[in-house]
Full PDB file with SEQRES, HELIX, SHEET, SSBOND, CRYST1, ORIGX, SCALE, CONECT and MASTER records, all heavy atoms in Angstrom:
SEQRES   1 A   38  GLN TRP MET GLN ALA LEU PRO LYS HIS LEU ARG LEU ARG          
SEQRES   2 A   38  PRO ASP GLY VAL THR PRO LYS HIS ILE ILE SER LEU HIS          
SEQRES   3 A   38  LEU GLN PHE ASN GLN CYS VAL MET LEU ALA THR ARG              
HELIX    1 AA1 LYS A    8  LEU A   10  5                                   3    
HELIX    2 AA2 LYS A   20  THR A   37  1                                  18    
CRYST1    1.000    1.000    1.000  90.00  90.00  90.00 P 1           1          
ORIGX1      1.000000  0.000000  0.000000        0.00000                         
ORIGX2      0.000000  1.000000  0.000000        0.00000                         
ORIGX3      0.000000  0.000000  1.000000        0.00000                         
SCALE1      1.000000  0.000000  0.000000        0.00000                         
SCALE2      0.000000  1.000000  0.000000        0.00000                         
SCALE3      0.000000  0.000000  1.000000        0.00000                         
ATOM      1  N   GLN A   1     107.380 110.935  91.768  1.00  0.00           N  
ATOM      2  CA  GLN A   1     108.733 111.387  91.473  1.00  0.00           C  
ATOM      3  C   GLN A   1     109.657 111.198  92.655  1.00  0.00           C  
ATOM      4  O   GLN A   1     110.834 110.859  92.491  1.00  0.00           O  
ATOM      5  CB  GLN A   1     108.693 112.860  91.039  1.00  0.00           C  
ATOM      6  CG  GLN A   1     107.977 113.087  89.722  1.00  0.00           C  
ATOM      7  CD  GLN A   1     107.704 114.562  89.447  1.00  0.00           C  
ATOM      8  OE1 GLN A   1     108.067 115.438  90.246  1.00  0.00           O  
ATOM      9  NE2 GLN A   1     107.066 114.863  88.317  1.00  0.00           N  
ATOM     10  N   TRP A   2     109.134 111.412  93.866  1.00  0.00           N  
ATOM     11  CA  TRP A   2     109.965 111.186  95.055  1.00  0.00           C  
ATOM     12  C   TRP A   2     110.371 109.724  95.155  1.00  0.00           C  
ATOM     13  O   TRP A   2     111.544 109.417  95.436  1.00  0.00           O  
ATOM     14  CB  TRP A   2     109.184 111.604  96.309  1.00  0.00           C  
ATOM     15  CG  TRP A   2     109.960 111.408  97.580  1.00  0.00           C  
ATOM     16  CD1 TRP A   2     110.801 112.296  98.168  1.00  0.00           C  
ATOM     17  CD2 TRP A   2     109.979 110.231  98.402  1.00  0.00           C  
ATOM     18  NE1 TRP A   2     111.341 111.766  99.316  1.00  0.00           N  
ATOM     19  CE2 TRP A   2     110.852 110.493  99.487  1.00  0.00           C  
ATOM     20  CE3 TRP A   2     109.350 109.004  98.338  1.00  0.00           C  
ATOM     21  CZ2 TRP A   2     111.101 109.550 100.482  1.00  0.00           C  
ATOM     22  CZ3 TRP A   2     109.597 108.062  99.337  1.00  0.00           C  
ATOM     23  CH2 TRP A   2     110.461 108.347 100.387  1.00  0.00           C  
ATOM     24  N   MET A   3     109.435 108.827  94.918  1.00  0.00           N  
ATOM     25  CA  MET A   3     109.742 107.406  94.997  1.00  0.00           C  
ATOM     26  C   MET A   3     110.726 106.989  93.917  1.00  0.00           C  
ATOM     27  O   MET A   3     111.642 106.194  94.168  1.00  0.00           O  
ATOM     28  CB  MET A   3     108.446 106.593  94.885  1.00  0.00           C  
ATOM     29  CG  MET A   3     108.646 105.088  94.935  1.00  0.00           C  
ATOM     30  SD  MET A   3     109.451 104.507  96.452  1.00  0.00           S  
ATOM     31  CE  MET A   3     108.137 104.768  97.641  1.00  0.00           C  
ATOM     32  N   GLN A   4     110.572 107.514  92.714  1.00  0.00           N  
ATOM     33  CA  GLN A   4     111.473 107.147  91.620  1.00  0.00           C  
ATOM     34  C   GLN A   4     112.890 107.653  91.874  1.00  0.00           C  
ATOM     35  O   GLN A   4     113.851 107.007  91.446  1.00  0.00           O  
ATOM     36  CB  GLN A   4     110.939 107.693  90.306  1.00  0.00           C  
ATOM     37  CG  GLN A   4     109.665 107.024  89.819  1.00  0.00           C  
ATOM     38  CD  GLN A   4     109.105 107.672  88.558  1.00  0.00           C  
ATOM     39  OE1 GLN A   4     109.432 108.822  88.237  1.00  0.00           O  
ATOM     40  NE2 GLN A   4     108.251 106.946  87.853  1.00  0.00           N  
ATOM     41  N   ALA A   5     113.026 108.801  92.539  1.00  0.00           N  
ATOM     42  CA  ALA A   5     114.348 109.360  92.808  1.00  0.00           C  
ATOM     43  C   ALA A   5     114.998 108.803  94.061  1.00  0.00           C  
ATOM     44  O   ALA A   5     116.135 109.179  94.379  1.00  0.00           O  
ATOM     45  CB  ALA A   5     114.240 110.891  92.917  1.00  0.00           C  
ATOM     46  N   LEU A   6     114.324 107.928  94.770  1.00  0.00           N  
ATOM     47  CA  LEU A   6     114.860 107.419  96.028  1.00  0.00           C  
ATOM     48  C   LEU A   6     116.090 106.554  95.762  1.00  0.00           C  
ATOM     49  O   LEU A   6     116.058 105.655  94.909  1.00  0.00           O  
ATOM     50  CB  LEU A   6     113.783 106.591  96.741  1.00  0.00           C  
ATOM     51  CG  LEU A   6     113.959 106.348  98.244  1.00  0.00           C  
ATOM     52  CD1 LEU A   6     113.935 107.672  98.993  1.00  0.00           C  
ATOM     53  CD2 LEU A   6     112.880 105.417  98.754  1.00  0.00           C  
ATOM     54  N   PRO A   7     117.195 106.815  96.460  1.00  0.00           N  
ATOM     55  CA  PRO A   7     118.394 105.986  96.260  1.00  0.00           C  
ATOM     56  C   PRO A   7     118.123 104.514  96.581  1.00  0.00           C  
ATOM     57  O   PRO A   7     117.232 104.180  97.363  1.00  0.00           O  
ATOM     58  CB  PRO A   7     119.401 106.599  97.249  1.00  0.00           C  
ATOM     59  CG  PRO A   7     118.907 107.984  97.495  1.00  0.00           C  
ATOM     60  CD  PRO A   7     117.409 107.912  97.416  1.00  0.00           C  
ATOM     61  N   LYS A   8     118.909 103.659  95.991  1.00  0.00           N  
ATOM     62  CA  LYS A   8     118.689 102.222  96.131  1.00  0.00           C  
ATOM     63  C   LYS A   8     118.800 101.773  97.582  1.00  0.00           C  
ATOM     64  O   LYS A   8     118.043 100.909  98.036  1.00  0.00           O  
ATOM     65  CB  LYS A   8     119.689 101.466  95.262  1.00  0.00           C  
ATOM     66  CG  LYS A   8     119.490  99.952  95.276  1.00  0.00           C  
ATOM     67  CD  LYS A   8     120.474  99.252  94.349  1.00  0.00           C  
ATOM     68  CE  LYS A   8     120.280  97.738  94.373  1.00  0.00           C  
ATOM     69  NZ  LYS A   8     121.234  97.059  93.466  1.00  0.00           N  
ATOM     70  N   HIS A   9     119.747 102.343  98.331  1.00  0.00           N  
ATOM     71  CA  HIS A   9     119.942 101.884  99.706  1.00  0.00           C  
ATOM     72  C   HIS A   9     118.812 102.329 100.645  1.00  0.00           C  
ATOM     73  O   HIS A   9     118.746 101.866 101.785  1.00  0.00           O  
ATOM     74  CB  HIS A   9     121.305 102.379 100.242  1.00  0.00           C  
ATOM     75  CG  HIS A   9     121.325 103.836 100.600  1.00  0.00           C  
ATOM     76  ND1 HIS A   9     121.514 104.827  99.671  1.00  0.00           N  
ATOM     77  CD2 HIS A   9     121.160 104.470 101.795  1.00  0.00           C  
ATOM     78  CE1 HIS A   9     121.491 106.003 100.267  1.00  0.00           C  
ATOM     79  NE2 HIS A   9     121.282 105.817 101.556  1.00  0.00           N  
ATOM     80  N   LEU A  10     117.942 103.237 100.155  1.00  0.00           N  
ATOM     81  CA  LEU A  10     116.813 103.666 100.969  1.00  0.00           C  
ATOM     82  C   LEU A  10     115.512 102.976 100.572  1.00  0.00           C  
ATOM     83  O   LEU A  10     114.448 103.314 101.101  1.00  0.00           O  
ATOM     84  CB  LEU A  10     116.629 105.175 100.859  1.00  0.00           C  
ATOM     85  CG  LEU A  10     117.693 106.049 101.525  1.00  0.00           C  
ATOM     86  CD1 LEU A  10     117.402 107.521 101.319  1.00  0.00           C  
ATOM     87  CD2 LEU A  10     117.793 105.741 103.021  1.00  0.00           C  
ATOM     88  N   ARG A  11     115.581 102.018  99.693  1.00  0.00           N  
ATOM     89  CA  ARG A  11     114.388 101.268  99.306  1.00  0.00           C  
ATOM     90  C   ARG A  11     114.213 100.052 100.208  1.00  0.00           C  
ATOM     91  O   ARG A  11     115.155  99.590 100.848  1.00  0.00           O  
ATOM     92  CB  ARG A  11     114.492 100.828  97.847  1.00  0.00           C  
ATOM     93  CG  ARG A  11     114.538 102.005  96.870  1.00  0.00           C  
ATOM     94  CD  ARG A  11     114.612 101.543  95.427  1.00  0.00           C  
ATOM     95  NE  ARG A  11     114.621 102.681  94.526  1.00  0.00           N  
ATOM     96  CZ  ARG A  11     113.533 103.268  94.037  1.00  0.00           C  
ATOM     97  NH1 ARG A  11     112.332 102.794  94.381  1.00  0.00           N  
ATOM     98  NH2 ARG A  11     113.607 104.292  93.223  1.00  0.00           N  
ATOM     99  N   LEU A  12     112.988  99.551 100.246  1.00  0.00           N  
ATOM    100  CA  LEU A  12     112.705  98.360 101.052  1.00  0.00           C  
ATOM    101  C   LEU A  12     113.424  97.145 100.471  1.00  0.00           C  
ATOM    102  O   LEU A  12     113.577  97.042  99.248  1.00  0.00           O  
ATOM    103  CB  LEU A  12     111.199  98.110 101.092  1.00  0.00           C  
ATOM    104  CG  LEU A  12     110.357  99.179 101.796  1.00  0.00           C  
ATOM    105  CD1 LEU A  12     108.880  98.880 101.623  1.00  0.00           C  
ATOM    106  CD2 LEU A  12     110.714  99.269 103.270  1.00  0.00           C  
ATOM    107  N   ARG A  13     113.829  96.270 101.335  1.00  0.00           N  
ATOM    108  CA  ARG A  13     114.578  95.083 100.922  1.00  0.00           C  
ATOM    109  C   ARG A  13     113.733  93.851 101.172  1.00  0.00           C  
ATOM    110  O   ARG A  13     113.716  93.296 102.283  1.00  0.00           O  
ATOM    111  CB  ARG A  13     115.895  95.003 101.696  1.00  0.00           C  
ATOM    112  CG  ARG A  13     116.727  96.283 101.551  1.00  0.00           C  
ATOM    113  CD  ARG A  13     117.888  96.321 102.521  1.00  0.00           C  
ATOM    114  NE  ARG A  13     118.529  97.649 102.521  1.00  0.00           N  
ATOM    115  CZ  ARG A  13     119.508  97.993 103.342  1.00  0.00           C  
ATOM    116  NH1 ARG A  13     119.969  97.131 104.238  1.00  0.00           N  
ATOM    117  NH2 ARG A  13     120.014  99.218 103.270  1.00  0.00           N  
ATOM    118  N   PRO A  14     113.011  93.397 100.148  1.00  0.00           N  
ATOM    119  CA  PRO A  14     112.106  92.261 100.368  1.00  0.00           C  
ATOM    120  C   PRO A  14     112.828  90.960 100.705  1.00  0.00           C  
ATOM    121  O   PRO A  14     112.260  90.088 101.365  1.00  0.00           O  
ATOM    122  CB  PRO A  14     111.363  92.160  99.031  1.00  0.00           C  
ATOM    123  CG  PRO A  14     112.269  92.807  98.039  1.00  0.00           C  
ATOM    124  CD  PRO A  14     112.980  93.897  98.763  1.00  0.00           C  
ATOM    125  N   ASP A  15     114.080  90.829 100.266  1.00  0.00           N  
ATOM    126  CA  ASP A  15     114.820  89.565 100.509  1.00  0.00           C  
ATOM    127  C   ASP A  15     115.780  89.659 101.688  1.00  0.00           C  
ATOM    128  O   ASP A  15     116.528  88.714 101.953  1.00  0.00           O  
ATOM    129  CB  ASP A  15     115.590  89.180  99.245  1.00  0.00           C  
ATOM    130  CG  ASP A  15     114.679  88.954  98.054  1.00  0.00           C  
ATOM    131  OD1 ASP A  15     113.524  88.536  98.295  1.00  0.00           O  
ATOM    132  OD2 ASP A  15     115.104  89.202  96.915  1.00  0.00           O  
ATOM    133  N   GLY A  16     115.809  90.803 102.377  1.00  0.00           N  
ATOM    134  CA  GLY A  16     116.715  90.974 103.492  1.00  0.00           C  
ATOM    135  C   GLY A  16     116.077  91.773 104.600  1.00  0.00           C  
ATOM    136  O   GLY A  16     114.879  92.063 104.582  1.00  0.00           O  
ATOM    137  N   VAL A  17     116.897  92.136 105.575  1.00  0.00           N  
ATOM    138  CA  VAL A  17     116.408  92.908 106.714  1.00  0.00           C  
ATOM    139  C   VAL A  17     116.536  94.395 106.390  1.00  0.00           C  
ATOM    140  O   VAL A  17     117.640  94.897 106.108  1.00  0.00           O  
ATOM    141  CB  VAL A  17     117.202  92.575 107.988  1.00  0.00           C  
ATOM    142  CG1 VAL A  17     116.708  93.417 109.151  1.00  0.00           C  
ATOM    143  CG2 VAL A  17     117.074  91.088 108.304  1.00  0.00           C  
ATOM    144  N   THR A  18     115.422  95.099 106.444  1.00  0.00           N  
ATOM    145  CA  THR A  18     115.422  96.537 106.168  1.00  0.00           C  
ATOM    146  C   THR A  18     115.637  97.292 107.466  1.00  0.00           C  
ATOM    147  O   THR A  18     114.944  97.039 108.447  1.00  0.00           O  
ATOM    148  CB  THR A  18     114.087  96.968 105.537  1.00  0.00           C  
ATOM    149  OG1 THR A  18     113.864  96.203 104.347  1.00  0.00           O  
ATOM    150  CG2 THR A  18     114.102  98.441 105.190  1.00  0.00           C  
ATOM    151  N   PRO A  19     116.598  98.217 107.494  1.00  0.00           N  
ATOM    152  CA  PRO A  19     116.800  99.011 108.722  1.00  0.00           C  
ATOM    153  C   PRO A  19     115.537  99.752 109.129  1.00  0.00           C  
ATOM    154  O   PRO A  19     114.705 100.128 108.287  1.00  0.00           O  
ATOM    155  CB  PRO A  19     117.925  99.973 108.330  1.00  0.00           C  
ATOM    156  CG  PRO A  19     118.648  99.287 107.214  1.00  0.00           C  
ATOM    157  CD  PRO A  19     117.596  98.530 106.475  1.00  0.00           C  
ATOM    158  N   LYS A  20     115.405  99.983 110.416  1.00  0.00           N  
ATOM    159  CA  LYS A  20     114.179 100.580 110.945  1.00  0.00           C  
ATOM    160  C   LYS A  20     113.947 101.991 110.427  1.00  0.00           C  
ATOM    161  O   LYS A  20     112.798 102.377 110.187  1.00  0.00           O  
ATOM    162  CB  LYS A  20     114.218 100.557 112.463  1.00  0.00           C  
ATOM    163  CG  LYS A  20     114.042  99.171 113.077  1.00  0.00           C  
ATOM    164  CD  LYS A  20     113.993  99.233 114.579  1.00  0.00           C  
ATOM    165  CE  LYS A  20     115.326  99.669 115.156  1.00  0.00           C  
ATOM    166  NZ  LYS A  20     115.321  99.654 116.639  1.00  0.00           N  
ATOM    167  N   HIS A  21     115.011 102.763 110.246  1.00  0.00           N  
ATOM    168  CA  HIS A  21     114.811 104.141 109.798  1.00  0.00           C  
ATOM    169  C   HIS A  21     114.311 104.189 108.357  1.00  0.00           C  
ATOM    170  O   HIS A  21     113.595 105.107 107.965  1.00  0.00           O  
ATOM    171  CB  HIS A  21     116.096 104.949 109.960  1.00  0.00           C  
ATOM    172  CG  HIS A  21     117.194 104.582 109.018  1.00  0.00           C  
ATOM    173  ND1 HIS A  21     118.008 103.499 109.208  1.00  0.00           N  
ATOM    174  CD2 HIS A  21     117.606 105.168 107.866  1.00  0.00           C  
ATOM    175  CE1 HIS A  21     118.889 103.420 108.227  1.00  0.00           C  
ATOM    176  NE2 HIS A  21     118.658 104.415 107.399  1.00  0.00           N  
ATOM    177  N   ILE A  22     114.652 103.176 107.547  1.00  0.00           N  
ATOM    178  CA  ILE A  22     114.148 103.117 106.172  1.00  0.00           C  
ATOM    179  C   ILE A  22     112.674 102.728 106.187  1.00  0.00           C  
ATOM    180  O   ILE A  22     111.868 103.247 105.407  1.00  0.00           O  
ATOM    181  CB  ILE A  22     114.985 102.133 105.338  1.00  0.00           C  
ATOM    182  CG1 ILE A  22     116.420 102.650 105.234  1.00  0.00           C  
ATOM    183  CG2 ILE A  22     114.373 101.934 103.965  1.00  0.00           C  
ATOM    184  CD1 ILE A  22     117.347 101.727 104.446  1.00  0.00           C  
ATOM    185  N   ILE A  23     112.304 101.820 107.074  1.00  0.00           N  
ATOM    186  CA  ILE A  23     110.890 101.466 107.210  1.00  0.00           C  
ATOM    187  C   ILE A  23     110.079 102.690 107.631  1.00  0.00           C  
ATOM    188  O   ILE A  23     108.985 102.930 107.115  1.00  0.00           O  
ATOM    189  CB  ILE A  23     110.720 100.314 108.216  1.00  0.00           C  
ATOM    190  CG1 ILE A  23     111.363  99.031 107.687  1.00  0.00           C  
ATOM    191  CG2 ILE A  23     109.241 100.079 108.523  1.00  0.00           C  
ATOM    192  CD1 ILE A  23     111.307  97.876 108.647  1.00  0.00           C  
ATOM    193  N   SER A  24     110.604 103.464 108.552  1.00  0.00           N  
ATOM    194  CA  SER A  24     109.916 104.682 108.995  1.00  0.00           C  
ATOM    195  C   SER A  24     109.745 105.662 107.841  1.00  0.00           C  
ATOM    196  O   SER A  24     108.693 106.323 107.730  1.00  0.00           O  
ATOM    197  CB  SER A  24     110.684 105.347 110.138  1.00  0.00           C  
ATOM    198  OG  SER A  24     110.763 104.489 111.264  1.00  0.00           O  
ATOM    199  N   LEU A  25     110.747 105.757 106.990  1.00  0.00           N  
ATOM    200  CA  LEU A  25     110.652 106.650 105.835  1.00  0.00           C  
ATOM    201  C   LEU A  25     109.526 106.218 104.905  1.00  0.00           C  
ATOM    202  O   LEU A  25     108.749 107.045 104.419  1.00  0.00           O  
ATOM    203  CB  LEU A  25     111.986 106.677 105.099  1.00  0.00           C  
ATOM    204  CG  LEU A  25     112.088 107.627 103.902  1.00  0.00           C  
ATOM    205  CD1 LEU A  25     111.978 109.071 104.342  1.00  0.00           C  
ATOM    206  CD2 LEU A  25     113.407 107.410 103.142  1.00  0.00           C  
ATOM    207  N   HIS A  26     109.390 104.923 104.656  1.00  0.00           N  
ATOM    208  CA  HIS A  26     108.343 104.423 103.771  1.00  0.00           C  
ATOM    209  C   HIS A  26     106.968 104.502 104.434  1.00  0.00           C  
ATOM    210  O   HIS A  26     105.960 104.689 103.749  1.00  0.00           O  
ATOM    211  CB  HIS A  26     108.650 102.988 103.342  1.00  0.00           C  
ATOM    212  CG  HIS A  26     109.743 102.911 102.310  1.00  0.00           C  
ATOM    213  ND1 HIS A  26     109.487 102.831 100.961  1.00  0.00           N  
ATOM    214  CD2 HIS A  26     111.096 102.913 102.434  1.00  0.00           C  
ATOM    215  CE1 HIS A  26     110.631 102.778 100.290  1.00  0.00           C  
ATOM    216  NE2 HIS A  26     111.626 102.818 101.156  1.00  0.00           N  
ATOM    217  N   LEU A  27     106.925 104.371 105.738  1.00  0.00           N  
ATOM    218  CA  LEU A  27     105.657 104.564 106.433  1.00  0.00           C  
ATOM    219  C   LEU A  27     105.168 106.007 106.298  1.00  0.00           C  
ATOM    220  O   LEU A  27     103.969 106.252 106.121  1.00  0.00           O  
ATOM    221  CB  LEU A  27     105.802 104.191 107.903  1.00  0.00           C  
ATOM    222  CG  LEU A  27     105.892 102.698 108.220  1.00  0.00           C  
ATOM    223  CD1 LEU A  27     106.225 102.486 109.700  1.00  0.00           C  
ATOM    224  CD2 LEU A  27     104.590 101.969 107.868  1.00  0.00           C  
ATOM    225  N   GLN A  28     106.098 106.946 106.372  1.00  0.00           N  
ATOM    226  CA  GLN A  28     105.725 108.346 106.174  1.00  0.00           C  
ATOM    227  C   GLN A  28     105.266 108.593 104.740  1.00  0.00           C  
ATOM    228  O   GLN A  28     104.316 109.355 104.497  1.00  0.00           O  
ATOM    229  CB  GLN A  28     106.904 109.266 106.516  1.00  0.00           C  
ATOM    230  CG  GLN A  28     106.663 110.746 106.280  1.00  0.00           C  
ATOM    231  CD  GLN A  28     105.523 111.299 107.121  1.00  0.00           C  
ATOM    232  OE1 GLN A  28     105.197 110.761 108.166  1.00  0.00           O  
ATOM    233  NE2 GLN A  28     104.941 112.392 106.668  1.00  0.00           N  
ATOM    234  N   PHE A  29     105.904 107.926 103.761  1.00  0.00           N  
ATOM    235  CA  PHE A  29     105.471 108.035 102.375  1.00  0.00           C  
ATOM    236  C   PHE A  29     104.055 107.490 102.197  1.00  0.00           C  
ATOM    237  O   PHE A  29     103.197 108.126 101.561  1.00  0.00           O  
ATOM    238  CB  PHE A  29     106.450 107.287 101.464  1.00  0.00           C  
ATOM    239  CG  PHE A  29     105.971 107.130 100.050  1.00  0.00           C  
ATOM    240  CD1 PHE A  29     106.003 108.186  99.160  1.00  0.00           C  
ATOM    241  CD2 PHE A  29     105.463 105.908  99.614  1.00  0.00           C  
ATOM    242  CE1 PHE A  29     105.560 108.039  97.858  1.00  0.00           C  
ATOM    243  CE2 PHE A  29     105.009 105.755  98.316  1.00  0.00           C  
ATOM    244  CZ  PHE A  29     105.050 106.825  97.436  1.00  0.00           C  
ATOM    245  N   ASN A  30     103.795 106.321 102.767  1.00  0.00           N  
ATOM    246  CA  ASN A  30     102.441 105.763 102.686  1.00  0.00           C  
ATOM    247  C   ASN A  30     101.414 106.672 103.348  1.00  0.00           C  
ATOM    248  O   ASN A  30     100.291 106.808 102.872  1.00  0.00           O  
ATOM    249  CB  ASN A  30     102.421 104.378 103.352  1.00  0.00           C  
ATOM    250  CG  ASN A  30     103.225 103.356 102.583  1.00  0.00           C  
ATOM    251  OD1 ASN A  30     103.591 103.556 101.428  1.00  0.00           O  
ATOM    252  ND2 ASN A  30     103.527 102.244 103.228  1.00  0.00           N  
ATOM    253  N   GLN A  31     101.812 107.286 104.464  1.00  0.00           N  
ATOM    254  CA  GLN A  31     100.900 108.198 105.142  1.00  0.00           C  
ATOM    255  C   GLN A  31     100.578 109.401 104.257  1.00  0.00           C  
ATOM    256  O   GLN A  31      99.446 109.895 104.258  1.00  0.00           O  
ATOM    257  CB  GLN A  31     101.503 108.658 106.469  1.00  0.00           C  
ATOM    258  CG  GLN A  31     100.650 109.605 107.263  1.00  0.00           C  
ATOM    259  CD  GLN A  31      99.353 108.975 107.733  1.00  0.00           C  
ATOM    260  OE1 GLN A  31      99.239 107.754 107.804  1.00  0.00           O  
ATOM    261  NE2 GLN A  31      98.369 109.801 108.060  1.00  0.00           N  
ATOM    262  N   CYS A  32     101.561 109.882 103.507  1.00  0.00           N  
ATOM    263  CA  CYS A  32     101.318 110.985 102.589  1.00  0.00           C  
ATOM    264  C   CYS A  32     100.299 110.596 101.525  1.00  0.00           C  
ATOM    265  O   CYS A  32      99.412 111.392 101.171  1.00  0.00           O  
ATOM    266  CB  CYS A  32     102.618 111.435 101.931  1.00  0.00           C  
ATOM    267  SG  CYS A  32     103.740 112.352 102.992  1.00  0.00           S  
ATOM    268  N   VAL A  33     100.424 109.383 100.996  1.00  0.00           N  
ATOM    269  CA  VAL A  33      99.473 108.908  99.984  1.00  0.00           C  
ATOM    270  C   VAL A  33      98.070 108.837 100.585  1.00  0.00           C  
ATOM    271  O   VAL A  33      97.083 109.290  99.966  1.00  0.00           O  
ATOM    272  CB  VAL A  33      99.904 107.542  99.415  1.00  0.00           C  
ATOM    273  CG1 VAL A  33      98.864 106.996  98.457  1.00  0.00           C  
ATOM    274  CG2 VAL A  33     101.260 107.653  98.725  1.00  0.00           C  
ATOM    275  N   MET A  34      97.949 108.273 101.774  1.00  0.00           N  
ATOM    276  CA  MET A  34      96.636 108.178 102.415  1.00  0.00           C  
ATOM    277  C   MET A  34      96.099 109.560 102.761  1.00  0.00           C  
ATOM    278  O   MET A  34      94.897 109.832 102.591  1.00  0.00           O  
ATOM    279  CB  MET A  34      96.733 107.300 103.676  1.00  0.00           C  
ATOM    280  CG  MET A  34      96.930 105.827 103.389  1.00  0.00           C  
ATOM    281  SD  MET A  34      96.867 104.812 104.905  1.00  0.00           S  
ATOM    282  CE  MET A  34      98.493 105.140 105.589  1.00  0.00           C  
ATOM    283  N   LEU A  35      96.938 110.438 103.246  1.00  0.00           N  
ATOM    284  CA  LEU A  35      96.495 111.772 103.623  1.00  0.00           C  
ATOM    285  C   LEU A  35      95.955 112.533 102.418  1.00  0.00           C  
ATOM    286  O   LEU A  35      94.962 113.276 102.512  1.00  0.00           O  
ATOM    287  CB  LEU A  35      97.647 112.546 104.263  1.00  0.00           C  
ATOM    288  CG  LEU A  35      97.325 113.854 104.976  1.00  0.00           C  
ATOM    289  CD1 LEU A  35      96.441 113.609 106.186  1.00  0.00           C  
ATOM    290  CD2 LEU A  35      98.615 114.559 105.392  1.00  0.00           C  
ATOM    291  N   ALA A  36      96.586 112.330 101.259  1.00  0.00           N  
ATOM    292  CA  ALA A  36      96.155 113.037 100.058  1.00  0.00           C  
ATOM    293  C   ALA A  36      94.887 112.464  99.461  1.00  0.00           C  
ATOM    294  O   ALA A  36      94.071 113.196  98.880  1.00  0.00           O  
ATOM    295  CB  ALA A  36      97.274 113.011  99.022  1.00  0.00           C  
ATOM    296  N   THR A  37      94.673 111.156  99.595  1.00  0.00           N  
ATOM    297  CA  THR A  37      93.577 110.495  98.861  1.00  0.00           C  
ATOM    298  C   THR A  37      92.416 110.052  99.717  1.00  0.00           C  
ATOM    299  O   THR A  37      91.355 109.716  99.165  1.00  0.00           O  
ATOM    300  CB  THR A  37      94.127 109.262  98.118  1.00  0.00           C  
ATOM    301  OG1 THR A  37      94.769 108.383  99.068  1.00  0.00           O  
ATOM    302  CG2 THR A  37      95.144 109.665  97.067  1.00  0.00           C  
ATOM    303  N   ARG A  38      92.547 110.024 101.020  1.00  0.00           N  
ATOM    304  CA  ARG A  38      91.448 109.481 101.821  1.00  0.00           C  
ATOM    305  C   ARG A  38      90.188 110.340 101.821  1.00  0.00           C  
ATOM    306  O   ARG A  38      89.101 109.797 102.040  1.00  0.00           O  
ATOM    307  CB  ARG A  38      91.902 109.185 103.243  1.00  0.00           C  
ATOM    308  CG  ARG A  38      92.230 110.373 104.113  1.00  0.00           C  
ATOM    309  CD  ARG A  38      92.833 109.923 105.432  1.00  0.00           C  
ATOM    310  NE  ARG A  38      93.093 111.040 106.336  1.00  0.00           N  
ATOM    311  CZ  ARG A  38      93.769 110.919 107.470  1.00  0.00           C  
ATOM    312  NH1 ARG A  38      94.240 109.736 107.846  1.00  0.00           N  
ATOM    313  NH2 ARG A  38      93.955 111.963 108.258  1.00  0.00           N  
TER     314      ARG A  38                                                      
MASTER        0    0    0    2    0    0    0    6  313    1    0    3          
END                                                                             
């Protein structure tokens, strides 16, 4: 639900340059997934 509600400008940009703070946000999201399932 958090990922689905994420505003468009905070999503990763596969065809462009993603700002570093947005990458950090997605890294924290991935860490949450790993922390919950590992």
